[in-house]
Amino acid sequence: MGNLCIIPARGGSKRIPRKNIKDFLGKPIIAYSIEAALNSGIFDEVMVSTDDEEIAQVAKKYGANVPFLRSKENADDFATTSQVLLEVIGQYEIIGKIYQYACCIYPTAPLIKKAKLIEGFKKLKDHHLSTVFPVVAFSYPIWRGLKKSSSQGFAMLWPENLNKRSQDLEEVYHDAGQWYWIDVEKFLTNHKLFDDNSSCIVLEATEVQDIDNMTDWKLAELKYELL
């Protein structure tokens, strides 16, 4: 039993080539996720799931284990995080390693704070939850969202909110895309990272940056330096 950290880092990133080991302010971006996990002191093992030998070598250099390479089936553009986690947990079971809790940490999340990882684990365990993950509020009220109504025109999705004050609209959150704590037994039953027994940790906007293109990358570097 114990805690397993799984960092999924396949080699075939398209929008930013070699994204998972690209230099981020002096070291490969995956190093930040590995170091956050190791420095938290709450994991019995920190491993990287990859299909790529170069990523495996970088991961080992920064202290992670790579006991096996990911299967081709779970290394394409369509493989889900849940499928990767199920494969890793299954491979560990084959070699006799059973974990009670696991945390999936994404490899391109340099703004992760070890204190939030610890807070998420405590919440998962203390409240007997299925999963816990960080969220952040949308920067603008989605209730005033627009949609295209024609080639040139736009219409409000919820026109009843046109004259409402922003502070009177309900705050809405989205997944911060950093990590997921899971109760392994529950996850093996439902294969879900979000269900009726999930909860969240709220982060500030300065702690979160999705990285899909080079503009996002530069914003992440600015936020990291700001923090």
Protein backbone atom coordinates (compact mmCIF):
# COMPACT_ATOMS: atom_id res chain seq x y z
CA MET A 1 0.00 0.00 0.00
CA GLY A 2 1.07 3.64 0.01
CA ASN A 3 1.11 6.51 -2.48
CA LEU A 4 2.15 6.38 -6.12
CA CYS A 5 2.86 9.43 -8.31
CA ILE A 6 2.28 8.88 -12.03
CA ILE A 7 3.57 11.48 -14.50
CA PRO A 8 2.26 10.72 -18.02
CA ALA A 9 4.65 12.01 -20.69
CA ARG A 10 4.34 10.55 -24.15
CA GLY A 11 6.77 11.51 -26.89
CA GLY A 12 4.39 12.49 -29.66
CA SER A 13 3.37 16.05 -28.76
CA LYS A 14 2.26 17.90 -31.91
CA ARG A 15 1.59 21.58 -31.15
CA ILE A 16 4.87 22.06 -29.28
CA PRO A 17 7.37 19.41 -30.47
CA ARG A 18 9.16 17.58 -27.63
CA LYS A 19 7.03 19.62 -25.27
CA ASN A 20 7.52 17.42 -22.20
CA ILE A 21 11.30 17.89 -22.12
CA LYS A 22 11.54 21.35 -23.68
CA ASP A 23 13.66 23.83 -21.72
CA PHE A 24 11.63 25.92 -19.28
CA LEU A 25 13.74 28.58 -17.58
CA GLY A 26 16.83 26.44 -17.46
CA LYS A 27 15.67 22.84 -17.18
CA PRO A 28 13.24 20.44 -18.87
CA ILE A 29 9.67 21.31 -18.01
CA ILE A 30 8.97 17.77 -16.75
CA ALA A 31 11.62 18.31 -14.07
CA TYR A 32 9.30 20.71 -12.23
CA SER A 33 6.60 18.07 -11.86
CA ILE A 34 9.11 15.43 -10.75
CA GLU A 35 10.69 17.75 -8.20
CA ALA A 36 7.31 18.89 -6.81
CA ALA A 37 6.37 15.26 -6.25
CA LEU A 38 9.69 14.31 -4.66
CA ASN A 39 9.83 17.42 -2.47
CA SER A 40 6.30 16.87 -1.17
CA GLY A 41 7.53 13.83 0.77
CA ILE A 42 4.20 12.02 0.42
CA PHE A 43 4.96 9.50 -2.32
CA ASP A 44 6.44 6.04 -1.95
CA GLU A 45 7.31 6.08 -5.64
CA VAL A 46 7.45 8.77 -8.32
CA MET A 47 7.29 7.31 -11.82
CA VAL A 48 7.03 8.59 -15.38
CA SER A 49 4.86 6.76 -17.90
CA THR A 50 6.35 7.29 -21.35
CA ASP A 51 6.85 5.57 -24.68
CA ASP A 52 9.95 7.65 -25.41
CA GLU A 53 13.51 6.64 -24.45
CA GLU A 54 14.80 10.23 -24.35
CA ILE A 55 12.00 11.30 -22.01
CA ALA A 56 12.74 8.25 -19.87
CA GLN A 57 16.39 9.25 -19.55
CA VAL A 58 15.50 12.85 -18.60
CA ALA A 59 12.99 11.59 -16.04
CA LYS A 60 15.58 9.34 -14.41
CA LYS A 61 18.11 12.18 -14.34
CA TYR A 62 15.74 14.24 -12.20
CA GLY A 63 14.91 11.41 -9.81
CA ALA A 64 11.85 9.63 -11.21
CA ASN A 65 11.57 5.91 -11.89
CA VAL A 66 10.69 4.48 -15.31
CA PRO A 67 10.19 0.77 -14.57
CA PHE A 68 8.53 0.07 -17.94
CA LEU A 69 7.63 1.89 -21.15
CA ARG A 70 4.07 2.73 -22.06
CA SER A 71 2.27 0.53 -24.58
CA LYS A 72 1.71 1.76 -28.14
CA GLU A 73 -2.05 1.55 -27.56
CA ASN A 74 -1.88 4.19 -24.84
CA ALA A 75 0.70 6.44 -26.51
CA ASP A 76 -1.34 7.80 -29.42
CA ASP A 77 -3.35 11.03 -29.71
CA PHE A 78 -6.54 9.36 -28.54
CA ALA A 79 -5.41 7.69 -25.32
CA THR A 80 -7.06 9.19 -22.24
CA THR A 81 -5.45 9.93 -18.90
CA SER A 82 -7.66 7.27 -17.31
CA GLN A 83 -6.41 4.63 -19.73
CA VAL A 84 -2.79 5.52 -18.96
CA LEU A 85 -3.39 5.35 -15.21
CA LEU A 86 -5.15 1.99 -15.50
CA GLU A 87 -2.20 0.60 -17.47
CA VAL A 88 0.35 1.84 -14.93
CA ILE A 89 -1.60 0.57 -11.92
CA GLY A 90 -2.05 -2.79 -13.66
CA GLN A 91 1.67 -3.08 -14.44
CA TYR A 92 2.57 -2.39 -10.81
CA GLU A 93 0.08 -5.02 -9.65
CA ILE A 94 1.79 -7.58 -11.90
CA ILE A 95 5.08 -7.02 -10.05
CA GLY A 96 3.33 -7.13 -6.68
CA LYS A 97 3.16 -3.43 -5.88
CA ILE A 98 -0.28 -2.34 -4.67
CA TYR A 99 -1.02 1.31 -3.88
CA GLN A 100 -3.93 2.72 -1.92
CA TYR A 101 -3.69 6.20 -3.40
CA ALA A 102 -2.20 7.60 -6.59
CA CYS A 103 -1.68 11.06 -8.00
CA CYS A 104 -1.44 11.83 -11.70
CA ILE A 105 0.73 14.93 -12.19
CA TYR A 106 0.93 16.35 -15.68
CA PRO A 107 4.47 16.89 -17.05
CA THR A 108 3.87 20.46 -18.25
CA ALA A 109 2.66 22.04 -15.01
CA PRO A 110 5.63 23.99 -13.62
CA LEU A 111 3.41 26.15 -11.40
CA ILE A 112 2.52 23.20 -9.15
CA LYS A 113 3.05 23.84 -5.45
CA LYS A 114 3.91 20.95 -3.14
CA ALA A 115 1.67 22.46 -0.46
CA LYS A 116 -1.34 22.10 -2.77
CA LEU A 117 -0.43 18.48 -3.52
CA ILE A 118 -0.35 17.78 0.22
CA GLU A 119 -3.63 19.65 0.74
CA GLY A 120 -5.27 17.62 -2.02
CA PHE A 121 -4.09 14.32 -0.53
CA LYS A 122 -5.31 15.27 2.94
CA LYS A 123 -8.72 16.19 1.56
CA LEU A 124 -8.98 12.92 -0.39
CA LYS A 125 -8.08 10.81 2.62
CA ASP A 126 -9.92 12.71 5.36
CA HIS A 127 -13.21 12.85 3.44
CA HIS A 128 -12.99 9.39 1.81
CA LEU A 129 -13.33 10.88 -1.67
CA SER A 130 -12.89 9.22 -5.06
CA THR A 131 -10.78 12.00 -6.55
CA VAL A 132 -9.51 15.50 -5.75
CA PHE A 133 -8.09 17.96 -8.31
CA PRO A 134 -7.34 21.70 -8.52
CA VAL A 135 -9.66 24.18 -10.24
CA VAL A 136 -9.52 27.88 -11.07
CA ALA A 137 -12.32 30.37 -11.67
CA PHE A 138 -13.04 31.52 -15.21
CA SER A 139 -11.62 35.03 -15.59
CA TYR A 140 -14.85 36.33 -17.17
CA PRO A 141 -18.44 35.30 -16.31
CA ILE A 142 -19.37 32.53 -18.75
CA TRP A 143 -23.04 33.49 -18.28
CA ARG A 144 -22.39 36.37 -20.68
CA GLY A 145 -20.92 34.04 -23.29
CA LEU A 146 -21.56 34.61 -26.99
CA LYS A 147 -22.10 32.22 -29.90
CA LYS A 148 -22.02 32.77 -33.65
CA SER A 149 -25.55 33.15 -34.96
CA SER A 150 -24.57 33.73 -38.60
CA SER A 151 -21.46 34.37 -40.70
CA GLN A 152 -21.11 37.88 -39.23
CA GLY A 153 -23.49 37.97 -36.26
CA PHE A 154 -23.25 36.88 -32.63
CA ALA A 155 -25.89 36.17 -30.02
CA MET A 156 -25.81 35.73 -26.25
CA LEU A 157 -26.11 32.19 -24.99
CA TRP A 158 -28.09 33.45 -21.99
CA PRO A 159 -29.66 36.81 -23.00
CA GLU A 160 -31.41 37.06 -19.63
CA ASN A 161 -28.01 38.00 -18.15
CA LEU A 162 -27.41 40.98 -20.44
CA ASN A 163 -28.13 43.62 -17.79
CA LYS A 164 -27.01 41.71 -14.71
CA ARG A 165 -23.95 42.89 -12.79
CA SER A 166 -20.90 40.63 -12.99
CA GLN A 167 -20.80 40.29 -9.21
CA ASP A 168 -24.36 38.96 -9.23
CA LEU A 169 -23.53 36.07 -11.57
CA GLU A 170 -22.50 32.73 -10.13
CA GLU A 171 -18.76 32.01 -10.23
CA VAL A 172 -17.82 29.05 -12.42
CA TYR A 173 -14.59 27.03 -12.26
CA HIS A 174 -12.62 24.84 -14.64
CA ASP A 175 -10.01 22.11 -14.23
CA ALA A 176 -6.57 23.64 -13.66
CA GLY A 177 -4.91 20.80 -15.60
CA GLN A 178 -2.20 20.08 -13.02
CA TRP A 179 -2.93 16.92 -11.07
CA TYR A 180 -5.53 14.36 -9.91
CA TRP A 181 -5.46 12.49 -6.64
CA ILE A 182 -7.33 9.19 -6.82
CA ASP A 183 -8.40 6.49 -4.42
CA VAL A 184 -7.05 3.53 -6.40
CA GLU A 185 -9.72 1.02 -5.37
CA LYS A 186 -12.54 3.39 -6.31
CA PHE A 187 -10.82 4.31 -9.59
CA LEU A 188 -10.38 0.68 -10.58
CA THR A 189 -14.13 0.27 -10.14
CA ASN A 190 -15.43 3.29 -12.08
CA HIS A 191 -12.42 4.40 -14.22
CA LYS A 192 -13.44 8.04 -13.65
CA LEU A 193 -11.40 11.10 -12.65
CA PHE A 194 -14.57 12.98 -11.75
CA ASP A 195 -17.72 11.58 -10.19
CA ASP A 196 -20.31 12.39 -7.52
CA ASN A 197 -17.72 11.72 -4.81
CA SER A 198 -15.04 14.08 -6.16
CA SER A 199 -13.92 17.40 -4.73
CA CYS A 200 -11.56 20.23 -5.66
CA ILE A 201 -8.90 22.62 -4.41
CA VAL A 202 -9.33 26.21 -5.64
CA LEU A 203 -6.23 27.92 -7.06
CA GLU A 204 -5.54 31.52 -7.96
CA ALA A 205 -5.19 32.51 -11.63
CA THR A 206 -1.48 33.23 -11.08
CA GLU A 207 -0.98 29.57 -10.12
CA VAL A 208 -2.45 28.15 -13.33
CA GLN A 209 -1.47 28.21 -17.00
CA ASP A 210 -2.58 25.75 -19.65
CA ILE A 211 0.24 25.28 -22.17
CA ASP A 212 -0.96 24.52 -25.69
CA ASN A 213 1.17 26.91 -27.77
CA MET A 214 4.23 29.14 -27.45
CA THR A 215 2.20 32.12 -26.22
CA ASP A 216 0.95 29.93 -23.35
CA TRP A 217 4.54 28.84 -22.74
CA LYS A 218 5.75 32.43 -22.37
CA LEU A 219 2.85 33.26 -20.05
CA ALA A 220 3.75 30.25 -17.89
CA GLU A 221 7.34 31.48 -17.65
CA LEU A 222 6.16 34.95 -16.64
CA LYS A 223 3.86 33.53 -13.97
CA TYR A 224 6.61 31.25 -12.66
CA GLU A 225 8.98 34.20 -12.31
CA LEU A 226 6.23 36.27 -10.69
CA LEU A 227 5.60 33.54 -8.10
